[in-house]
Amino acid sequence: MKAIRRAAAALSVTAVIAAIVRLRGSGGVPPRRGGWRELPPDEIG
């Protein structure tokens, strides 16, 4: 019986942590600027 209670407590804690992570999201919006751009010849080298 003790093992069942311990397993249920562990599952509860895991569910709460998963809910918090899901509600907070994945870290926001990715940047809208940046990325690859063509370099002018004077910047190469």
N, C-alpha and C. Protein backbone atom coordinates (compact mmCIF):
# COMPACT_ATOMS: atom_id res chain seq x y z
N MET A 1 0.83 -1.20 0.00
CA MET A 1 0.00 0.00 0.00
C MET A 1 0.87 1.26 0.00
N LYS A 2 1.98 1.19 0.71
CA LYS A 2 2.88 2.34 0.79
C LYS A 2 3.46 2.67 -0.59
N ALA A 3 3.79 1.63 -1.36
CA ALA A 3 4.35 1.84 -2.69
C ALA A 3 3.32 2.47 -3.63
N ILE A 4 2.08 2.08 -3.49
CA ILE A 4 1.02 2.65 -4.34
C ILE A 4 0.84 4.13 -4.04
N ARG A 5 0.85 4.49 -2.76
CA ARG A 5 0.74 5.90 -2.38
C ARG A 5 1.91 6.72 -2.89
N ARG A 6 3.11 6.13 -2.78
CA ARG A 6 4.31 6.82 -3.25
C ARG A 6 4.26 7.03 -4.77
N ALA A 7 3.81 6.02 -5.49
CA ALA A 7 3.69 6.13 -6.95
C ALA A 7 2.64 7.17 -7.33
N ALA A 8 1.53 7.19 -6.62
CA ALA A 8 0.48 8.18 -6.90
C ALA A 8 0.98 9.60 -6.62
N ALA A 9 1.75 9.77 -5.57
CA ALA A 9 2.31 11.09 -5.26
C ALA A 9 3.29 11.53 -6.35
N ALA A 10 4.12 10.60 -6.83
CA ALA A 10 5.07 10.93 -7.88
C ALA A 10 4.34 11.31 -9.17
N LEU A 11 3.29 10.59 -9.51
CA LEU A 11 2.51 10.91 -10.70
C LEU A 11 1.83 12.27 -10.56
N SER A 12 1.35 12.58 -9.38
CA SER A 12 0.70 13.88 -9.15
C SER A 12 1.68 15.02 -9.33
N VAL A 13 2.87 14.87 -8.76
CA VAL A 13 3.89 15.91 -8.89
C VAL A 13 4.28 16.08 -10.36
N THR A 14 4.42 14.97 -11.07
CA THR A 14 4.76 15.03 -12.49
C THR A 14 3.67 15.74 -13.28
N ALA A 15 2.41 15.47 -12.98
CA ALA A 15 1.30 16.10 -13.68
C ALA A 15 1.27 17.61 -13.42
N VAL A 16 1.54 18.01 -12.19
CA VAL A 16 1.55 19.44 -11.87
C VAL A 16 2.69 20.14 -12.61
N ILE A 17 3.86 19.54 -12.63
CA ILE A 17 4.99 20.15 -13.33
C ILE A 17 4.69 20.24 -14.83
N ALA A 18 4.11 19.20 -15.40
CA ALA A 18 3.77 19.22 -16.83
C ALA A 18 2.75 20.30 -17.13
N ALA A 19 1.78 20.49 -16.25
CA ALA A 19 0.77 21.54 -16.45
C ALA A 19 1.39 22.92 -16.39
N ILE A 20 2.31 23.14 -15.47
CA ILE A 20 2.98 24.44 -15.35
C ILE A 20 3.79 24.73 -16.60
N VAL A 21 4.55 23.74 -17.07
CA VAL A 21 5.36 23.93 -18.27
C VAL A 21 4.47 24.23 -19.47
N ARG A 22 3.35 23.53 -19.59
CA ARG A 22 2.45 23.74 -20.71
C ARG A 22 1.80 25.12 -20.66
N LEU A 23 1.45 25.58 -19.48
CA LEU A 23 0.81 26.89 -19.35
C LEU A 23 1.78 28.03 -19.62
N ARG A 24 3.04 27.84 -19.25
CA ARG A 24 4.05 28.88 -19.48
C ARG A 24 4.41 29.00 -20.94
N GLY A 25 4.24 27.95 -21.71
CA GLY A 25 4.57 28.00 -23.12
C GLY A 25 5.99 27.56 -23.37
N SER A 26 6.43 27.75 -24.61
CA SER A 26 7.73 27.22 -24.99
C SER A 26 8.81 28.29 -25.01
N GLY A 27 8.56 29.46 -24.46
CA GLY A 27 9.62 30.44 -24.37
C GLY A 27 9.40 31.70 -25.16
N GLY A 28 8.23 31.87 -25.73
CA GLY A 28 7.95 33.13 -26.40
C GLY A 28 7.99 33.04 -27.91
N VAL A 29 7.98 34.20 -28.52
CA VAL A 29 7.92 34.30 -29.97
C VAL A 29 9.34 34.34 -30.53
N PRO A 30 9.61 33.59 -31.59
CA PRO A 30 10.95 33.67 -32.17
C PRO A 30 11.20 35.03 -32.80
N PRO A 31 12.45 35.42 -32.94
CA PRO A 31 12.74 36.74 -33.51
C PRO A 31 12.25 36.85 -34.95
N ARG A 32 11.78 38.03 -35.30
CA ARG A 32 11.24 38.23 -36.65
C ARG A 32 12.29 38.76 -37.61
N ARG A 33 13.40 39.26 -37.09
CA ARG A 33 14.48 39.77 -37.93
C ARG A 33 15.68 38.85 -37.81
N GLY A 34 16.59 38.98 -38.73
CA GLY A 34 17.79 38.18 -38.67
C GLY A 34 17.76 37.07 -39.70
N GLY A 35 18.62 36.13 -39.52
CA GLY A 35 18.70 35.02 -40.46
C GLY A 35 19.80 35.26 -41.48
N TRP A 36 19.69 34.57 -42.60
CA TRP A 36 20.70 34.65 -43.65
C TRP A 36 20.54 35.91 -44.47
N ARG A 37 21.63 36.50 -44.85
CA ARG A 37 21.61 37.62 -45.77
C ARG A 37 22.84 37.55 -46.67
N GLU A 38 22.74 38.10 -47.84
CA GLU A 38 23.86 38.06 -48.76
C GLU A 38 24.89 39.11 -48.34
N LEU A 39 26.16 38.71 -48.31
CA LEU A 39 27.23 39.62 -47.92
C LEU A 39 27.77 40.36 -49.14
N PRO A 40 28.00 41.65 -49.00
CA PRO A 40 28.66 42.37 -50.08
C PRO A 40 30.12 41.91 -50.20
N PRO A 41 30.72 42.05 -51.38
CA PRO A 41 32.09 41.55 -51.57
C PRO A 41 33.12 42.16 -50.60
N ASP A 42 32.93 43.39 -50.15
CA ASP A 42 33.92 43.99 -49.25
C ASP A 42 33.86 43.41 -47.84
N GLU A 43 32.78 42.72 -47.47
CA GLU A 43 32.68 42.10 -46.15
C GLU A 43 33.22 40.68 -46.13
N ILE A 44 33.46 40.11 -47.29
CA ILE A 44 33.98 38.74 -47.37
C ILE A 44 35.50 38.81 -47.27
N GLY A 45 36.06 38.15 -46.31
CA GLY A 45 37.51 38.11 -46.25
C GLY A 45 38.03 39.08 -45.29
